[in-house]
C-alpha atoms as a PDB file:
ATOM      1  CA  MET A   1      -0.099   0.298   0.000  1.00  0.00           C
ATOM      2  CA  ALA A   2       1.179   3.391  -1.055  1.00  0.00           C
ATOM      3  CA  LEU A   3       0.946   5.924   1.169  1.00  0.00           C
ATOM      4  CA  SER A   4       0.274   9.691  -0.040  1.00  0.00           C
ATOM      5  CA  TYR A   5       2.763  12.868  -0.571  1.00  0.00           C
ATOM      6  CA  LYS A   6       0.560  14.394   2.174  1.00  0.00           C
ATOM      7  CA  THR A   7       0.477  11.168   4.580  1.00  0.00           C
ATOM      8  CA  ARG A   8       4.282  10.847   4.206  1.00  0.00           C
ATOM      9  CA  LYS A   9       5.328  14.445   4.687  1.00  0.00           C
ATOM     10  CA  ARG A  10       3.051  13.690   8.747  1.00  0.00           C
ATOM     11  CA  LEU A  11       5.002  10.943   8.880  1.00  0.00           C
ATOM     12  CA  SER A  12       8.060  12.168   8.270  1.00  0.00           C
ATOM     13  CA  VAL A  13       7.736  14.868  10.825  1.00  0.00           C
ATOM     14  CA  LEU A  14       6.389  13.095  13.810  1.00  0.00           C
ATOM     15  CA  ILE A  15       9.231  10.660  13.165  1.00  0.00           C
ATOM     16  CA  LEU A  16      12.186  13.389  13.400  1.00  0.00           C
ATOM     17  CA  PHE A  17      10.482  15.350  15.973  1.00  0.00           C
ATOM     18  CA  VAL A  18       9.312  12.873  18.417  1.00  0.00           C
ATOM     19  CA  GLY A  19      10.305   9.188  16.531  1.00  0.00           C
ATOM     20  CA  LEU A  20      14.633  10.810  16.403  1.00  0.00           C
ATOM     21  CA  PRO A  21      14.954  11.590  19.738  1.00  0.00           C
ATOM     22  CA  LEU A  22      13.486   8.528  21.742  1.00  0.00           C
ATOM     23  CA  TYR A  23      15.465   5.988  18.904  1.00  0.00           C
ATOM     24  CA  ILE A  24      18.474   8.314  20.176  1.00  0.00           C
ATOM     25  CA  ILE A  25      17.318   8.154  24.285  1.00  0.00           C
ATOM     26  CA  ALA A  26      17.306   4.911  23.717  1.00  0.00           C
ATOM     27  CA  ALA A  27      20.563   3.914  21.926  1.00  0.00           C
ATOM     28  CA  VAL A  28      22.447   5.948  24.585  1.00  0.00           C
ATOM     29  CA  ASN A  29      20.616   3.853  27.580  1.00  0.00           C
ATOM     30  CA  LEU A  30      21.568   0.596  25.683  1.00  0.00           C
ATOM     31  CA  VAL A  31      25.333   1.763  25.807  1.00  0.00           C
ATOM     32  CA  ALA A  32      25.341   2.903  29.358  1.00  0.00           C
ATOM     33  CA  LEU A  33      24.306  -0.409  29.620  1.00  0.00           C
ATOM     34  CA  PHE A  34      27.647  -2.325  29.173  1.00  0.00           C
ATOM     35  CA  GLU A  35      30.562  -1.315  30.511  1.00  0.00           C
ATOM     36  CA  ARG A  36      31.787   1.795  29.015  1.00  0.00           C
ATOM     37  CA  PRO A  37      34.256   0.895  25.184  1.00  0.00           C
ATOM     38  CA  SER A  38      37.259   2.755  24.317  1.00  0.00           C
ATOM     39  CA  LEU A  39      36.158   5.717  22.741  1.00  0.00           C
ATOM     40  CA  LEU A  40      36.415   5.319  19.255  1.00  0.00           C
ATOM     41  CA  VAL A  41      34.562   2.058  19.689  1.00  0.00           C
ATOM     42  CA  GLU A  42      31.617   3.776  21.969  1.00  0.00           C
ATOM     43  CA  LEU A  43      31.722   6.572  18.806  1.00  0.00           C
ATOM     44  CA  LEU A  44      31.567   3.840  16.184  1.00  0.00           C
ATOM     45  CA  ILE A  45      28.289   2.411  17.864  1.00  0.00           C
ATOM     46  CA  TYR A  46      26.889   5.533  17.770  1.00  0.00           C
ATOM     47  CA  VAL A  47      27.660   6.725  13.961  1.00  0.00           C
ATOM     48  CA  GLY A  48      26.099   2.570  13.810  1.00  0.00           C
ATOM     49  CA  LEU A  49      23.347   3.360  14.982  1.00  0.00           C
ATOM     50  CA  GLY A  50      22.750   6.734  13.512  1.00  0.00           C
ATOM     51  CA  VAL A  51      22.499   5.764   9.945  1.00  0.00           C
ATOM     52  CA  ILE A  52      21.023   2.544  10.789  1.00  0.00           C
ATOM     53  CA  TRP A  53      17.709   4.082  11.744  1.00  0.00           C
ATOM     54  CA  ALA A  54      17.208   5.099   8.709  1.00  0.00           C
ATOM     55  CA  PHE A  55      17.617   2.460   5.795  1.00  0.00           C
ATOM     56  CA  PRO A  56      13.641   1.185   7.194  1.00  0.00           C
ATOM     57  CA  LEU A  57      12.409   4.649   6.670  1.00  0.00           C
ATOM     58  CA  LYS A  58      13.584   5.150   3.529  1.00  0.00           C
ATOM     59  CA  ALA A  59      11.044   4.586   2.178  1.00  0.00           C
ATOM     60  CA  VAL A  60       8.783   7.428   3.890  1.00  0.00           C
ATOM     61  CA  PHE A  61      11.304  10.344   3.355  1.00  0.00           C
ATOM     62  CA  LYS A  62      11.783   9.281   0.169  1.00  0.00           C
ATOM     63  CA  GLY A  63      10.861  12.750  -2.509  1.00  0.00           C
ATOM     64  CA  ILE A  64       9.215  14.845   0.679  1.00  0.00           C
ATOM     65  CA  GLY A  65      11.929  17.870  -0.003  1.00  0.00           C
ATOM     66  CA  GLN A  66      10.261  18.005  -3.604  1.00  0.00           C
ATOM     67  CA  PRO A  67       6.310  19.950  -4.515  1.00  0.00           C
ATOM     68  CA  ASP A  68       3.871  17.600  -4.181  1.00  0.00           C
ATOM     69  CA  PRO A  69       2.829  15.434  -7.553  1.00  0.00           C
ATOM     70  CA  ASP A  70      -0.532  15.414  -6.845  1.00  0.00           C
ATOM     71  CA  ALA A  71      -1.274  18.605  -5.986  1.00  0.00           C
ATOM     72  CA  LYS A  72      -2.893  20.587  -9.147  1.00  0.00           C
ATOM     73  CA  PRO A  73      -0.270  23.148 -10.911  1.00  0.00           C
ATOM     74  CA  SER A  74      -0.673  26.574  -9.793  1.00  0.00           C
ATOM     75  CA  ASP A  75      -1.889  29.419 -12.851  1.00  0.00           C
ATOM     76  CA  GLN A  76       1.144  32.439 -12.032  1.00  0.00           C
END
């Protein structure tokens, strides 16, 4: 089922303003559960977690910065 442009735009805003901060808090708490690794390993963990979240949501964010393809052209 394909989402409409308007739905994807609203969903992407919700993900960026609510989901991403919650994901960051969860990632920090996950790393804090274990003994603190070296600085380089900790950096690699955060970079990996920072990239991984975007792959499943790629379809939601694709084309959001473009004009609405379903909108009627305006007469200017």
